[in-house]
C-alpha atoms as a PDB file:
ATOM      1  CA  MET A   1      20.279 -52.409 -24.916  1.00  0.00           C
ATOM      2  CA  LYS A   2      16.618 -53.319 -24.643  1.00  0.00           C
ATOM      3  CA  GLN A   3      15.775 -56.674 -23.153  1.00  0.00           C
ATOM      4  CA  GLY A   4      12.776 -58.596 -24.389  1.00  0.00           C
ATOM      5  CA  HIS A   5      10.080 -60.014 -22.207  1.00  0.00           C
ATOM      6  CA  PHE A   6       9.972 -63.751 -21.511  1.00  0.00           C
ATOM      7  CA  PHE A   7       6.693 -64.157 -23.404  1.00  0.00           C
ATOM      8  CA  ASP A   8       7.911 -62.238 -26.460  1.00  0.00           C
ATOM      9  CA  LYS A   9       9.396 -65.453 -27.845  1.00  0.00           C
ATOM     10  CA  PRO A  10       6.774 -67.833 -29.274  1.00  0.00           C
ATOM     11  CA  GLU A  11       8.711 -70.918 -28.143  1.00  0.00           C
ATOM     12  CA  ASN A  12       8.492 -69.743 -24.517  1.00  0.00           C
ATOM     13  CA  VAL A  13       4.736 -69.280 -24.849  1.00  0.00           C
ATOM     14  CA  LYS A  14       4.430 -72.811 -26.270  1.00  0.00           C
ATOM     15  CA  LYS A  15       6.496 -74.202 -23.378  1.00  0.00           C
ATOM     16  CA  VAL A  16       4.351 -72.474 -20.746  1.00  0.00           C
ATOM     17  CA  LEU A  17       1.106 -73.584 -22.426  1.00  0.00           C
ATOM     18  CA  GLY A  18       2.437 -77.126 -22.713  1.00  0.00           C
ATOM     19  CA  LEU A  19       3.307 -77.124 -19.014  1.00  0.00           C
ATOM     20  CA  PHE A  20      -0.158 -75.786 -18.216  1.00  0.00           C
ATOM     21  CA  TYR A  21      -1.905 -78.482 -20.257  1.00  0.00           C
ATOM     22  CA  VAL A  22       0.231 -81.267 -18.784  1.00  0.00           C
ATOM     23  CA  SER A  23      -0.460 -80.065 -15.230  1.00  0.00           C
ATOM     24  CA  LEU A  24      -4.171 -79.808 -16.045  1.00  0.00           C
ATOM     25  CA  LEU A  25      -4.179 -83.381 -17.348  1.00  0.00           C
ATOM     26  CA  VAL A  26      -2.321 -84.625 -14.255  1.00  0.00           C
ATOM     27  CA  LEU A  27      -4.816 -82.917 -11.953  1.00  0.00           C
ATOM     28  CA  ILE A  28      -7.785 -84.382 -13.837  1.00  0.00           C
ATOM     29  CA  ILE A  29      -6.279 -87.875 -13.635  1.00  0.00           C
ATOM     30  CA  MET A  30      -5.537 -87.402  -9.923  1.00  0.00           C
ATOM     31  CA  ASP A  31      -9.149 -86.358  -9.361  1.00  0.00           C
ATOM     32  CA  LEU A  32     -10.308 -89.748 -10.616  1.00  0.00           C
ATOM     33  CA  PHE A  33      -8.263 -91.612  -7.986  1.00  0.00           C
ATOM     34  CA  ILE A  34      -8.621 -89.401  -4.914  1.00  0.00           C
ATOM     35  CA  PRO A  35     -11.371 -90.748  -2.645  1.00  0.00           C
ATOM     36  CA  LYS A  36     -14.240 -88.352  -2.082  1.00  0.00           C
ATOM     37  CA  ASP A  37     -16.657 -87.944   0.790  1.00  0.00           C
ATOM     38  CA  PRO A  38     -19.554 -86.132  -0.896  1.00  0.00           C
ATOM     39  CA  HIS A  39     -22.341 -84.602   1.139  1.00  0.00           C
ATOM     40  CA  PHE A  40     -24.666 -84.609  -1.874  1.00  0.00           C
ATOM     41  CA  SER A  41     -24.944 -87.165  -4.659  1.00  0.00           C
ATOM     42  CA  TRP A  42     -23.943 -84.746  -7.433  1.00  0.00           C
ATOM     43  CA  GLU A  43     -20.617 -84.021  -5.732  1.00  0.00           C
ATOM     44  CA  ALA A  44     -19.458 -87.548  -6.585  1.00  0.00           C
ATOM     45  CA  PHE A  45     -19.521 -86.700 -10.307  1.00  0.00           C
ATOM     46  CA  PRO A  46     -15.961 -86.596 -11.717  1.00  0.00           C
ATOM     47  CA  ALA A  47     -14.730 -83.014 -12.168  1.00  0.00           C
ATOM     48  CA  PHE A  48     -17.843 -81.635 -10.434  1.00  0.00           C
ATOM     49  CA  TYR A  49     -16.023 -78.739  -8.792  1.00  0.00           C
ATOM     50  CA  ALA A  50     -14.204 -77.751 -11.986  1.00  0.00           C
ATOM     51  CA  THR A  51     -17.473 -77.779 -13.912  1.00  0.00           C
ATOM     52  CA  TYR A  52     -19.267 -75.898 -11.151  1.00  0.00           C
ATOM     53  CA  GLY A  53     -16.548 -73.242 -11.058  1.00  0.00           C
ATOM     54  CA  PHE A  54     -16.527 -72.848 -14.842  1.00  0.00           C
ATOM     55  CA  VAL A  55     -20.306 -72.533 -15.068  1.00  0.00           C
ATOM     56  CA  GLY A  56     -20.314 -70.068 -12.172  1.00  0.00           C
ATOM     57  CA  CYS A  57     -17.620 -67.923 -13.789  1.00  0.00           C
ATOM     58  CA  VAL A  58     -19.404 -67.889 -17.150  1.00  0.00           C
ATOM     59  CA  GLY A  59     -22.644 -66.997 -15.352  1.00  0.00           C
ATOM     60  CA  LEU A  60     -20.976 -64.071 -13.592  1.00  0.00           C
ATOM     61  CA  VAL A  61     -19.505 -62.727 -16.828  1.00  0.00           C
ATOM     62  CA  LEU A  62     -22.754 -63.049 -18.758  1.00  0.00           C
ATOM     63  CA  GLY A  63     -24.761 -61.562 -15.891  1.00  0.00           C
ATOM     64  CA  ALA A  64     -22.400 -58.594 -15.699  1.00  0.00           C
ATOM     65  CA  LYS A  65     -22.494 -58.083 -19.440  1.00  0.00           C
ATOM     66  CA  TYR A  66     -26.217 -58.345 -20.094  1.00  0.00           C
ATOM     67  CA  ILE A  67     -27.895 -57.452 -16.790  1.00  0.00           C
ATOM     68  CA  LEU A  68     -25.628 -55.267 -14.658  1.00  0.00           C
ATOM     69  CA  ARG A  69     -24.310 -53.251 -17.580  1.00  0.00           C
ATOM     70  CA  LYS A  70     -27.805 -51.979 -18.355  1.00  0.00           C
ATOM     71  CA  MET A  71     -28.200 -50.882 -14.728  1.00  0.00           C
ATOM     72  CA  VAL A  72     -24.944 -48.933 -14.343  1.00  0.00           C
ATOM     73  CA  LYS A  73     -24.145 -47.720 -17.861  1.00  0.00           C
ATOM     74  CA  ARG A  74     -24.558 -44.010 -18.524  1.00  0.00           C
ATOM     75  CA  LYS A  75     -25.020 -42.169 -21.792  1.00  0.00           C
ATOM     76  CA  GLU A  76     -21.912 -40.998 -23.589  1.00  0.00           C
ATOM     77  CA  ASN A  77     -22.432 -37.304 -22.719  1.00  0.00           C
ATOM     78  CA  TYR A  78     -23.527 -37.928 -19.106  1.00  0.00           C
ATOM     79  CA  TYR A  79     -20.736 -35.817 -17.577  1.00  0.00           C
ATOM     80  CA  ASP A  80     -20.880 -32.985 -20.134  1.00  0.00           C
END
């Protein structure tokens, strides 16, 4: 008998995504009420670290795709 994976059922995927979105919303709301001690003025912006992390991650992906790929990519028959 073959057992299915937990994420094979669409209702389980919806439950996990719902839990993720609820936890994300709770963390964003908590961020508004937790006192901050910023070293720089822009650190006081709500969700600064989340925005900074997202922009940094997108920058890394785009840099790897458009800049680094041209440096390390070889022609298709390089090893022939």
